[in-house]
N, C-alpha and C. Protein backbone atom coordinates (compact mmCIF):
# COMPACT_ATOMS: atom_id res chain seq x y z
N VAL A 1 5.47 0.72 7.57
CA VAL A 1 7.10 -0.03 7.77
C VAL A 1 7.54 0.40 9.07
N SER A 2 8.16 -0.04 9.76
CA SER A 2 9.33 0.16 10.85
C SER A 2 10.13 0.36 10.53
N PRO A 3 11.21 1.27 11.38
CA PRO A 3 12.20 1.95 10.97
C PRO A 3 13.75 0.40 10.63
N GLY A 4 14.31 0.70 9.96
CA GLY A 4 15.60 -0.51 10.12
C GLY A 4 15.29 -0.59 8.26
N LYS A 5 16.74 -1.27 7.93
CA LYS A 5 17.18 -1.42 7.01
C LYS A 5 16.39 -3.09 6.33
N GLN A 6 16.27 -3.84 7.97
CA GLN A 6 15.61 -5.08 7.75
C GLN A 6 14.18 -4.97 7.44
N ASN A 7 13.55 -3.83 8.11
CA ASN A 7 11.98 -3.87 8.33
C ASN A 7 11.62 -3.45 6.36
N LEU A 8 12.11 -2.94 5.94
CA LEU A 8 12.34 -2.32 4.85
C LEU A 8 12.19 -3.61 3.46
N ASP A 9 13.68 -4.11 3.99
CA ASP A 9 13.85 -5.46 3.25
C ASP A 9 12.95 -6.45 3.09
N ARG A 10 12.49 -6.87 4.39
CA ARG A 10 11.29 -7.77 4.42
C ARG A 10 9.98 -7.41 3.67
N ASP A 11 9.35 -5.99 4.09
CA ASP A 11 8.35 -5.28 3.34
C ASP A 11 8.18 -5.75 2.09
N TYR A 12 9.56 -4.40 1.60
CA TYR A 12 9.28 -4.16 -0.28
C TYR A 12 9.83 -5.60 -0.91
N ARG A 13 10.18 -6.50 -0.25
CA ARG A 13 11.33 -7.61 -1.50
C ARG A 13 10.77 -8.93 -0.69
N TYR A 14 10.82 -9.02 -0.06
CA TYR A 14 10.68 -10.56 0.97
C TYR A 14 8.65 -10.95 0.63
N LYS A 15 8.17 -9.87 1.39
CA LYS A 15 6.31 -10.11 1.71
C LYS A 15 6.00 -10.28 -0.01
N ARG A 16 6.27 -9.26 -0.69
CA ARG A 16 6.45 -9.57 -2.11
C ARG A 16 6.84 -10.66 -2.86
N SER A 17 7.17 -11.07 -2.45
CA SER A 17 7.74 -12.23 -3.34
C SER A 17 6.77 -13.36 -3.46
N GLN A 18 6.86 -13.25 -1.66
CA GLN A 18 5.79 -14.58 -1.21
C GLN A 18 4.41 -14.04 -1.10
N TYR A 19 3.62 -12.84 -1.34
CA TYR A 19 2.38 -12.51 -1.53
C TYR A 19 2.14 -12.91 -2.92
N GLU A 20 3.05 -12.65 -4.19
CA GLU A 20 2.91 -13.09 -5.13
C GLU A 20 2.83 -14.70 -5.63
N ALA A 21 3.77 -14.53 -5.37
CA ALA A 21 3.39 -16.71 -5.15
C ALA A 21 2.32 -17.24 -4.44
N ARG A 22 1.58 -16.21 -3.52
CA ARG A 22 0.28 -16.99 -3.09
C ARG A 22 -0.70 -16.83 -3.82
N GLY A 23 -0.43 -15.49 -4.74
CA GLY A 23 -1.71 -14.97 -5.43
C GLY A 23 -2.58 -13.89 -4.65
N ILE A 24 -1.63 -13.42 -3.78
CA ILE A 24 -2.56 -12.45 -2.91
C ILE A 24 -3.22 -11.19 -4.52
N GLN A 25 -4.35 -10.91 -4.29
CA GLN A 25 -4.40 -9.74 -5.48
C GLN A 25 -3.88 -8.04 -4.98
N GLU A 26 -4.33 -7.80 -3.54
CA GLU A 26 -3.26 -6.58 -3.65
C GLU A 26 -2.99 -6.79 -2.20
N TYR A 27 -1.80 -5.55 -1.23
CA TYR A 27 -1.52 -5.89 -0.40
C TYR A 27 -0.50 -4.09 -0.76
N TRP A 28 -1.11 -3.61 0.51
CA TRP A 28 -0.51 -1.81 0.87
C TRP A 28 0.36 -1.90 2.02
N ILE A 29 1.30 -1.19 1.65
CA ILE A 29 2.73 -0.76 2.45
C ILE A 29 2.55 0.98 2.58
N ILE A 30 2.35 1.22 4.18
CA ILE A 30 2.08 2.36 4.59
C ILE A 30 3.60 2.77 5.52
N ASP A 31 3.89 3.47 4.93
CA ASP A 31 5.29 4.53 5.39
C ASP A 31 5.61 5.38 5.87
N SER A 32 5.10 5.60 7.04
CA SER A 32 4.97 6.75 7.75
C SER A 32 6.46 7.91 7.83
N ILE A 33 7.41 6.94 7.42
CA ILE A 33 8.97 7.44 7.19
C ILE A 33 9.14 8.12 6.23
N GLN A 34 9.05 7.91 5.06
CA GLN A 34 9.14 8.36 3.59
C GLN A 34 7.70 8.82 3.01
N ALA A 35 6.42 9.12 4.34
CA ALA A 35 5.08 9.60 4.25
C ALA A 35 4.57 9.23 2.91
N LYS A 36 5.05 8.00 2.50
CA LYS A 36 4.32 7.41 1.21
C LYS A 36 3.30 6.48 1.47
N MET A 37 2.26 6.17 0.61
CA MET A 37 1.83 4.64 0.65
C MET A 37 2.18 3.91 -0.70
N THR A 38 2.28 2.84 -0.77
CA THR A 38 2.33 1.72 -1.81
C THR A 38 1.18 0.66 -1.93
N VAL A 39 0.62 0.79 -3.15
CA VAL A 39 -0.53 0.02 -3.18
C VAL A 39 0.09 -1.50 -4.42
N PHE A 40 0.70 -2.09 -4.10
CA PHE A 40 0.76 -3.62 -5.09
C PHE A 40 -0.50 -3.95 -5.48
N THR A 41 -1.00 -4.17 -6.75
CA THR A 41 -1.72 -5.07 -7.30
C THR A 41 -1.29 -6.03 -8.39
N LEU A 42 -1.53 -7.20 -8.03
CA LEU A 42 -1.27 -8.38 -8.89
C LEU A 42 -2.05 -8.50 -10.24
N PHE A 43 -1.18 -8.72 -11.16
CA PHE A 43 -1.53 -8.52 -12.16
C PHE A 43 -0.70 -9.60 -13.52
N GLU A 44 -1.50 -10.16 -13.69
CA GLU A 44 -1.36 -11.77 -14.55
C GLU A 44 0.27 -11.89 -13.63
N GLY A 45 0.07 -12.38 -12.45
CA GLY A 45 0.69 -12.68 -12.45
C GLY A 45 2.18 -12.40 -11.00
N LEU A 46 2.16 -11.00 -11.51
CA LEU A 46 3.51 -10.27 -11.77
C LEU A 46 2.81 -9.18 -10.28
N TYR A 47 3.02 -8.07 -9.66
CA TYR A 47 2.51 -6.76 -8.90
C TYR A 47 2.97 -6.22 -10.10
N GLU A 48 1.99 -5.20 -9.88
CA GLU A 48 2.05 -3.91 -10.88
C GLU A 48 2.46 -2.86 -8.98
N GLU A 49 3.21 -1.68 -9.19
CA GLU A 49 3.55 -0.88 -7.87
C GLU A 49 3.19 0.50 -8.44
N ALA A 50 1.90 1.10 -7.49
CA ALA A 50 1.81 2.67 -7.45
C ALA A 50 1.83 2.93 -6.38
N VAL A 51 2.84 4.59 -6.32
CA VAL A 51 2.81 4.73 -4.88
C VAL A 51 1.94 6.50 -4.71
N PHE A 52 1.97 6.29 -3.97
CA PHE A 52 0.93 7.26 -3.52
C PHE A 52 1.33 8.47 -2.37
N THR A 53 1.09 9.65 -2.62
CA THR A 53 1.33 10.65 -1.21
C THR A 53 0.24 11.72 -1.17
N GLY A 54 0.45 12.54 0.05
CA GLY A 54 -0.47 13.70 -0.10
C GLY A 54 -1.65 13.32 -0.11
N ASP A 55 -2.46 14.08 -0.99
CA ASP A 55 -3.47 14.38 -1.60
C ASP A 55 -4.48 13.54 -2.83
N GLN A 56 -3.35 12.59 -2.79
CA GLN A 56 -3.36 11.77 -3.98
C GLN A 56 -4.94 10.81 -3.87
N ALA A 57 -5.52 10.57 -4.31
CA ALA A 57 -6.47 9.45 -4.25
C ALA A 57 -5.85 8.37 -4.30
N ILE A 58 -6.23 7.16 -3.71
CA ILE A 58 -5.48 5.95 -3.53
C ILE A 58 -6.27 5.01 -4.88
N ALA A 59 -5.53 4.68 -5.68
CA ALA A 59 -6.29 3.42 -6.29
C ALA A 59 -5.55 1.95 -6.23
N SER A 60 -7.48 1.68 -6.09
CA SER A 60 -7.35 0.48 -5.25
C SER A 60 -8.35 -0.71 -6.33
N MET A 61 -8.11 -1.72 -6.55
CA MET A 61 -9.00 -2.75 -6.54
C MET A 61 -10.01 -2.91 -5.13
N LEU A 62 -9.44 -3.59 -4.38
CA LEU A 62 -10.28 -3.70 -3.18
C LEU A 62 -11.09 -2.47 -2.73
N LEU A 63 -10.19 -1.11 -2.72
CA LEU A 63 -11.45 -0.35 -2.23
C LEU A 63 -12.79 -0.15 -3.71
N GLN A 64 -12.32 -0.04 -5.08
CA GLN A 64 -13.51 0.03 -5.38
C GLN A 64 -14.72 -1.32 -5.97
N GLU A 65 -13.79 -2.36 -5.66
CA GLU A 65 -15.11 -3.60 -5.17
C GLU A 65 -15.56 -3.44 -4.04
N SER A 66 -15.34 -2.70 -3.07
CA SER A 66 -16.28 -2.70 -1.89
C SER A 66 -17.10 -1.36 -1.56
N GLY A 67 -16.94 -0.69 -2.61
CA GLY A 67 -18.08 0.09 -3.31
C GLY A 67 -17.78 1.47 -2.54
N GLN A 68 -16.47 1.94 -2.10
CA GLN A 68 -16.00 3.14 -1.53
C GLN A 68 -16.03 3.98 -2.68
N ILE A 69 -17.04 5.30 -1.88
CA ILE A 69 -17.19 6.10 -3.03
C ILE A 69 -16.55 7.25 -2.89
N THR A 70 -16.63 7.92 -1.39
CA THR A 70 -15.29 9.05 -1.37
C THR A 70 -14.21 8.67 -1.59
N PRO A 71 -13.62 9.04 -2.61
CA PRO A 71 -12.28 9.06 -2.77
C PRO A 71 -10.94 8.92 -1.06
N LEU A 72 -10.13 8.10 -1.07
CA LEU A 72 -9.23 7.98 0.09
C LEU A 72 -7.67 8.01 -0.42
N THR A 73 -7.59 9.31 0.44
CA THR A 73 -6.23 9.55 0.32
C THR A 73 -5.16 9.30 0.99
N ALA A 74 -4.41 9.33 0.05
CA ALA A 74 -2.60 8.37 1.28
C ALA A 74 -2.96 9.69 2.37
N ALA A 75 -2.75 11.25 2.69
CA ALA A 75 -2.93 11.33 3.65
C ALA A 75 -3.73 11.13 4.97
N GLN A 76 -4.76 10.58 4.12
CA GLN A 76 -5.81 10.50 5.24
C GLN A 76 -5.33 8.65 5.96
N VAL A 77 -5.05 8.43 4.94
CA VAL A 77 -4.36 6.72 5.67
C VAL A 77 -3.17 7.32 6.03
N LEU A 78 -2.26 8.26 6.06
CA LEU A 78 -1.03 8.23 6.55
C LEU A 78 -1.24 8.79 8.28
N ASN A 79 -2.57 9.56 8.36
CA ASN A 79 -2.50 10.77 9.60
C ASN A 79 -3.51 10.03 10.35
N ALA A 80 -4.10 8.42 9.63
CA ALA A 80 -5.29 7.98 10.53
C ALA A 80 -4.64 7.86 12.05
N GLY A 81 -5.76 7.90 12.70
CA GLY A 81 -5.19 7.44 14.40
C GLY A 81 -4.69 9.07 15.10
N GLU A 82 -4.34 9.72 14.45
CA GLU A 82 -3.55 10.88 15.25
C GLU A 82 -4.64 12.02 15.53
N LYS A 83 -3.89 12.43 16.40
CA LYS A 83 -5.15 13.93 17.35
C LYS A 83 -5.17 14.75 16.84
N PRO A 84 -6.34 15.29 16.19
CA PRO A 84 -6.43 16.46 15.28
C PRO A 84 -5.61 18.13 15.98
């Protein structure tokens, strides 16, 4: 998510309804400002929302289907690309 109310509305509201209508099974919003990751999973035509922070393991259909064995945490995603 980029800073600003317009970007928040776009990512959390407009994209959600567009993706739902198109039947996209899952999408993620990585919000470095609030240090959280939100996973939207399509269930019976509507998105179910799950929020992950810190060392919480991410529950994701996409990760399960890909055979991801090692749990991926919100912190790993939020800190990806940062220099140690």
